[in-house]
Protein backbone atom coordinates (compact mmCIF):
# COMPACT_ATOMS: atom_id res chain seq x y z
CA MET A 1 -16.76 9.70 -24.64
CA SER A 2 -14.65 9.76 -21.50
CA GLU A 3 -11.07 10.89 -21.65
CA THR A 4 -8.48 8.18 -21.04
CA TYR A 5 -5.99 8.53 -18.18
CA PRO A 6 -3.07 6.24 -17.36
CA VAL A 7 -3.60 4.01 -14.37
CA SER A 8 -2.39 5.62 -11.15
CA SER A 9 -1.39 4.11 -7.83
CA GLY A 10 -4.29 5.37 -5.76
CA PRO A 11 -5.81 8.84 -5.46
CA ALA A 12 -3.06 10.04 -3.12
CA ALA A 13 -0.54 9.56 -5.91
CA LEU A 14 -2.07 12.52 -7.70
CA LEU A 15 -1.71 14.96 -4.81
CA ASP A 16 1.89 14.86 -3.71
CA PRO A 17 3.26 18.40 -3.45
CA ASP A 18 6.46 19.40 -1.73
CA PRO A 19 5.06 20.99 1.45
CA CYS A 20 8.27 22.94 1.97
CA SER A 21 8.32 24.42 -1.51
CA PRO A 22 7.33 28.07 -1.92
CA ARG A 23 5.84 27.22 -5.30
CA PRO A 24 2.05 26.97 -5.44
CA ARG A 25 0.49 23.56 -5.26
CA ILE A 26 -0.46 22.33 -8.73
CA ALA A 27 -3.69 20.37 -8.81
CA PRO A 28 -4.27 17.55 -11.30
CA PRO A 29 -6.40 18.42 -14.32
CA VAL A 30 -9.30 16.39 -12.97
CA PRO A 31 -9.87 15.91 -9.22
CA PRO A 32 -9.39 12.29 -8.13
CA HIS A 33 -12.51 10.38 -7.25
CA ARG A 34 -12.40 8.10 -4.25
CA PHE A 35 -14.95 5.34 -3.88
CA ARG A 36 -15.34 4.03 -0.35
CA SER A 37 -18.12 1.47 -0.19
CA ARG A 38 -17.43 -1.43 2.14
CA ILE A 39 -17.89 -5.18 2.24
CA GLY A 40 -20.28 -6.36 4.93
CA VAL A 41 -20.73 -2.96 6.58
CA ASP A 42 -24.17 -2.30 5.11
CA LEU A 43 -25.54 -5.62 3.94
CA ALA A 44 -28.67 -3.91 2.62
CA GLY A 45 -26.43 -2.13 0.14
CA GLY A 46 -25.57 -5.37 -1.61
CA PHE A 47 -21.83 -5.62 -0.97
CA TYR A 48 -21.94 -8.66 1.27
CA PRO A 49 -19.12 -11.20 1.48
CA VAL A 50 -19.45 -13.95 -1.12
CA PRO A 51 -16.58 -16.05 -2.50
CA HIS A 52 -15.73 -15.41 -6.15
CA ARG A 53 -17.85 -12.25 -6.33
CA TYR A 54 -15.07 -9.67 -6.20
CA ARG A 55 -12.07 -8.80 -8.33
CA LEU A 56 -9.03 -6.77 -7.35
CA TYR A 57 -7.20 -4.68 -9.90
CA LEU A 58 -3.57 -4.19 -8.89
CA SER A 59 -0.78 -2.10 -10.39
CA ALA A 60 2.77 -3.35 -10.79
CA SER A 61 5.50 -1.51 -8.85
CA CYS A 62 2.86 0.09 -6.64
CA PRO A 63 3.43 -0.17 -2.86
CA LEU A 64 -0.32 -0.03 -2.18
CA SER A 65 -0.94 -2.90 -4.59
CA LEU A 66 1.89 -4.83 -2.99
CA ARG A 67 0.23 -4.47 0.42
CA VAL A 68 -2.99 -5.88 -1.02
CA SER A 69 -1.23 -8.72 -2.84
CA ILE A 70 0.66 -9.84 0.27
CA THR A 71 -2.54 -9.68 2.32
CA LEU A 72 -4.34 -11.89 -0.20
CA ASP A 73 -1.63 -14.52 0.10
CA LEU A 74 -1.43 -14.39 3.89
CA LEU A 75 -5.20 -14.83 4.17
CA GLY A 76 -5.36 -17.58 1.57
CA LEU A 77 -7.77 -15.61 -0.62
CA ARG A 78 -6.20 -16.15 -4.05
CA ASP A 79 -8.83 -18.75 -4.93
CA THR A 80 -11.83 -16.69 -3.77
CA VAL A 81 -10.92 -13.12 -4.81
CA ALA A 82 -9.82 -12.76 -8.43
CA THR A 83 -6.93 -10.46 -9.29
CA THR A 84 -5.95 -8.63 -12.45
CA LEU A 85 -2.71 -6.77 -13.04
CA VAL A 86 -3.37 -3.49 -14.82
CA GLY A 87 -0.91 -1.05 -16.34
CA LEU A 88 -0.94 1.63 -19.00
CA PRO A 89 -3.63 1.31 -21.67
CA ASP A 90 -1.17 0.23 -24.38
CA ASP A 91 0.48 -2.33 -22.10
CA THR A 92 -2.64 -4.04 -20.71
CA PRO A 93 -5.51 -2.91 -22.96
CA GLU A 94 -8.05 -5.53 -21.85
CA ALA A 95 -7.37 -5.10 -18.13
CA TYR A 96 -7.30 -1.33 -18.39
CA GLY A 97 -10.51 -1.30 -20.40
CA ALA A 98 -12.26 -3.49 -17.84
CA LEU A 99 -11.18 -1.28 -14.95
CA ARG A 100 -12.10 1.86 -16.86
CA GLY A 101 -15.52 0.33 -17.50
CA ALA A 102 -15.98 -0.37 -13.79
CA TYR A 103 -15.30 3.28 -12.98
CA GLU A 104 -17.74 4.42 -15.64
CA ALA A 105 -20.39 2.01 -14.36
CA THR A 106 -19.93 3.43 -10.85
CA TRP A 107 -19.97 7.15 -11.71
CA HIS A 108 -22.11 8.43 -14.59
CA HIS A 109 -19.95 10.14 -17.23
CA TYR A 110 -16.86 9.41 -15.16
CA ASP A 111 -13.88 11.35 -16.53
CA GLY A 112 -11.37 11.03 -13.71
CA PRO A 113 -8.24 8.94 -13.21
CA VAL A 114 -8.29 5.18 -13.18
CA ASP A 115 -6.87 4.25 -9.79
CA ALA A 116 -5.44 0.96 -8.58
CA PRO A 117 -5.72 -0.84 -6.25
CA ALA A 118 -9.45 -1.10 -6.86
CA LEU A 119 -11.87 -3.67 -5.49
CA CYS A 120 -14.67 -4.30 -7.99
CA ASP A 121 -17.96 -6.16 -7.77
CA GLY A 122 -18.25 -8.84 -10.41
CA TRP A 123 -22.04 -8.96 -10.16
CA THR A 124 -22.70 -5.29 -10.89
CA GLY A 125 -19.45 -4.40 -12.67
CA ARG A 126 -18.90 -1.45 -10.34
CA VAL A 127 -16.03 -0.26 -8.16
CA VAL A 128 -16.61 -1.05 -4.51
CA SER A 129 -13.57 0.81 -3.20
CA ASN A 130 -10.28 2.29 -4.34
CA HIS A 131 -9.31 3.27 -0.79
CA THR A 132 -6.55 0.84 0.15
CA PRO A 133 -6.98 0.90 3.96
CA ASP A 134 -10.66 -0.01 3.58
CA ILE A 135 -9.83 -2.75 1.08
CA LEU A 136 -7.30 -4.24 3.49
CA ARG A 137 -9.76 -4.07 6.39
CA ASP A 138 -12.45 -5.82 4.36
CA LEU A 139 -10.11 -8.55 3.15
CA ALA A 140 -9.06 -9.29 6.72
CA GLY A 141 -12.41 -8.75 8.39
CA HIS A 142 -15.11 -9.87 5.99
CA LEU A 143 -13.70 -11.95 3.15
CA SER A 144 -11.27 -14.19 5.03
CA ASP A 145 -12.11 -17.46 6.74
CA HIS A 146 -10.91 -16.87 10.29
CA GLY A 147 -11.78 -20.41 11.24
CA GLY A 148 -9.89 -22.08 8.44
CA PRO A 149 -6.79 -24.14 9.19
CA GLY A 150 -3.63 -22.07 9.30
CA ARG A 151 -5.45 -18.78 8.68
CA LEU A 152 -3.88 -15.70 10.19
CA ARG A 153 -5.83 -13.06 12.06
CA LEU A 154 -4.17 -10.09 10.45
CA ARG A 155 -6.40 -7.51 12.09
CA PRO A 156 -7.40 -8.69 15.58
CA ALA A 157 -9.81 -6.26 17.20
CA ALA A 158 -7.53 -5.60 20.17
CA LEU A 159 -4.71 -4.46 17.87
CA ALA A 160 -6.75 -2.53 15.28
CA PRO A 161 -5.97 0.93 16.76
CA ASP A 162 -2.26 0.10 16.91
CA ILE A 163 -2.29 -1.18 13.31
CA ASP A 164 -3.88 2.05 12.11
CA ALA A 165 -1.50 4.18 14.17
CA LEU A 166 1.55 2.39 12.76
CA ARG A 167 0.22 2.79 9.22
CA ASP A 168 -0.12 6.54 9.80
CA LEU A 169 3.42 6.70 11.18
CA LEU A 170 4.81 4.85 8.18
CA ASP A 171 2.95 7.01 5.69
CA THR A 172 3.99 10.32 7.25
CA ASP A 173 7.32 9.79 9.03
CA VAL A 174 8.86 7.10 6.82
CA THR A 175 7.52 7.18 3.25
CA ARG A 176 6.66 10.86 3.02
CA ALA A 177 9.60 11.99 5.12
CA ALA A 178 12.02 9.93 3.02
CA ARG A 179 10.66 11.44 -0.17
CA GLU A 180 10.95 14.97 1.22
CA ALA A 181 14.46 14.28 2.53
CA GLY A 182 15.56 13.46 -1.00
CA THR A 183 13.56 15.91 -3.09
CA ALA A 184 12.52 18.98 -1.06
CA SER A 185 13.78 22.16 -2.68
CA GLU A 186 15.03 23.75 0.56
CA ALA A 187 17.95 22.29 2.52
CA GLU A 188 16.22 23.12 5.79
CA CYS A 189 13.19 21.07 4.76
CA ARG A 190 15.36 18.16 3.62
CA ASP A 191 17.18 18.15 6.96
CA ALA A 192 13.95 18.29 8.98
CA ALA A 193 12.45 15.46 6.95
CA LEU A 194 15.58 13.34 7.41
CA GLU A 195 15.42 13.81 11.18
CA ARG A 196 11.75 12.72 11.18
CA LEU A 197 12.69 9.67 9.14
CA LEU A 198 15.62 8.70 11.37
CA THR A 199 13.54 9.18 14.53
CA ALA A 200 10.81 6.89 13.17
CA LEU A 201 13.31 4.27 12.00
CA GLY A 202 15.03 4.30 15.39
CA ARG A 203 11.73 3.77 17.16
CA LEU A 204 10.80 0.88 14.86
CA ASP A 205 14.24 -0.68 15.15
CA ARG A 206 14.10 -0.60 18.96
CA GLY A 207 10.67 -2.19 18.90
CA LEU A 208 12.05 -5.23 17.06
CA ALA A 209 14.54 -5.77 19.88
CA ALA A 210 11.68 -6.86 22.13
CA ALA A 211 9.50 -8.85 19.71
CA PRO A 212 9.85 -10.55 16.31
CA TYR A 213 7.02 -8.63 14.68
CA ALA A 214 5.86 -5.04 14.50
CA LEU A 215 3.26 -5.34 17.26
CA GLY A 216 4.43 -8.30 19.25
CA GLU A 217 4.71 -12.05 18.92
CA GLU A 218 2.27 -12.56 16.01
CA LEU A 219 2.38 -11.43 12.41
CA THR A 220 -0.37 -8.88 11.70
CA ALA A 221 -1.39 -6.35 9.07
CA ALA A 222 1.11 -3.98 10.66
CA ASP A 223 3.91 -6.20 9.39
CA VAL A 224 2.60 -6.00 5.84
CA ASP A 225 2.62 -2.21 6.08
CA LEU A 226 6.04 -2.05 7.72
CA TRP A 227 7.68 -4.50 5.33
CA VAL A 228 6.39 -2.75 2.20
CA ALA A 229 7.40 0.67 3.55
CA LEU A 230 10.93 -0.54 4.32
CA VAL A 231 11.36 -2.19 0.91
CA GLN A 232 10.14 0.98 -0.78
CA LEU A 233 12.49 3.04 1.37
CA ASP A 234 15.52 0.99 0.40
CA GLY A 235 14.65 0.43 -3.23
CA GLU A 236 13.35 3.87 -4.12
CA HIS A 237 13.66 6.70 -1.63
CA ARG A 238 17.14 5.96 -0.26
CA LEU A 239 18.53 6.32 -3.78
CA LEU A 240 17.51 10.00 -3.76
CA LEU A 241 19.42 10.80 -0.57
CA ASP A 242 22.97 12.05 -0.41
CA ALA A 243 25.63 9.55 0.64
CA ASP A 244 25.72 10.56 4.30
CA ALA A 245 21.93 10.46 4.70
CA ALA A 246 21.69 7.14 2.90
CA ASP A 247 24.32 5.69 5.22
CA ARG A 248 22.47 6.90 8.32
CA VAL A 249 19.24 5.36 7.05
CA SER A 250 20.94 1.99 6.45
CA ARG A 251 22.33 1.67 10.00
CA HIS A 252 19.18 0.12 11.48
CA GLY A 253 20.28 -3.49 11.53
CA ARG A 254 17.22 -5.00 13.15
CA LEU A 255 14.95 -3.48 10.50
CA ARG A 256 17.11 -4.83 7.70
CA ALA A 257 17.20 -8.29 9.26
CA TYR A 258 13.41 -8.12 9.67
CA VAL A 259 12.94 -7.39 5.95
CA ARG A 260 15.12 -10.35 4.97
CA ARG A 261 13.39 -12.65 7.47
CA LEU A 262 9.91 -11.87 6.20
CA HIS A 263 11.09 -12.17 2.62
CA ALA A 264 11.58 -15.87 3.31
CA HIS A 265 7.81 -16.18 3.75
CA PRO A 266 6.13 -17.07 0.42
CA ALA A 267 3.60 -14.24 0.75
CA PHE A 268 6.32 -11.57 0.80
CA HIS A 269 7.23 -12.29 -2.77
CA THR A 270 8.52 -9.05 -4.25
CA THR A 271 12.11 -8.77 -5.40
CA LEU A 272 14.29 -7.19 -2.74
CA PRO A 273 16.42 -4.14 -3.50
CA GLU A 274 20.00 -5.08 -4.35
CA ALA A 275 21.41 -3.63 -1.13
CA LEU A 276 19.19 -5.89 0.95
CA ARG A 277 19.50 -8.91 -1.36
CA ASP A 278 23.28 -8.87 -1.07
CA GLU A 279 22.99 -9.28 2.70
CA VAL A 280 20.90 -12.47 2.50
CA SER A 281 23.03 -15.34 3.71
């Protein structure tokens, strides 16, 4: 019988060492398993785009799950891709059991962590992917109706490289840098991480002076990534910084106005951190 693990927010959540720490990196007891099949990439493999075939398992308070949830709403996919909120086994036993079963159906004698977000195939009961960037690409590229009325093109081909580059910047120089700036064991590492964070925030803030959205005049997947990263920064990572660092992070007025503006859109439905909520007029 497989060992039960709490649901985790993606495989990367299990490998998050302090790169500045002299202590050895501690690996999880079981290596994370990443499943990276795709929708519509290899039609002979069976994962072709069909409405109502797929189910997404999402985890509450998980930035990756929030990215997926917002994308579903922006693309109008709530009626064609089912969603299930999954938490710890005792909190959501049926949902957790179903997701655990999908992992076990995908990998014989699976004994690894149960990761969310996870895109599962309702026909075979297997996990298609638990790699969030691929899930987001497939939602925008293969499961959405680009010709439908009012449908957004979240990942236009011309902007795909820029969307991926911005996501990498956010992951490394905003989210990771903010975490290191608040928790790294060495002051030198905290200071270096803070400078990386402030440099990235300054660049992003200046970009919004020229256009309303992250990559220009139209809302794209880059805005989903940017908005979630900024909300996580203000609601989680900024609280770990000392007072001076937190103040420097909060000085980027265009970014803060951008977060509040997008929050008015129904798809960006998470609760804002108190510091941002108090500024909403």
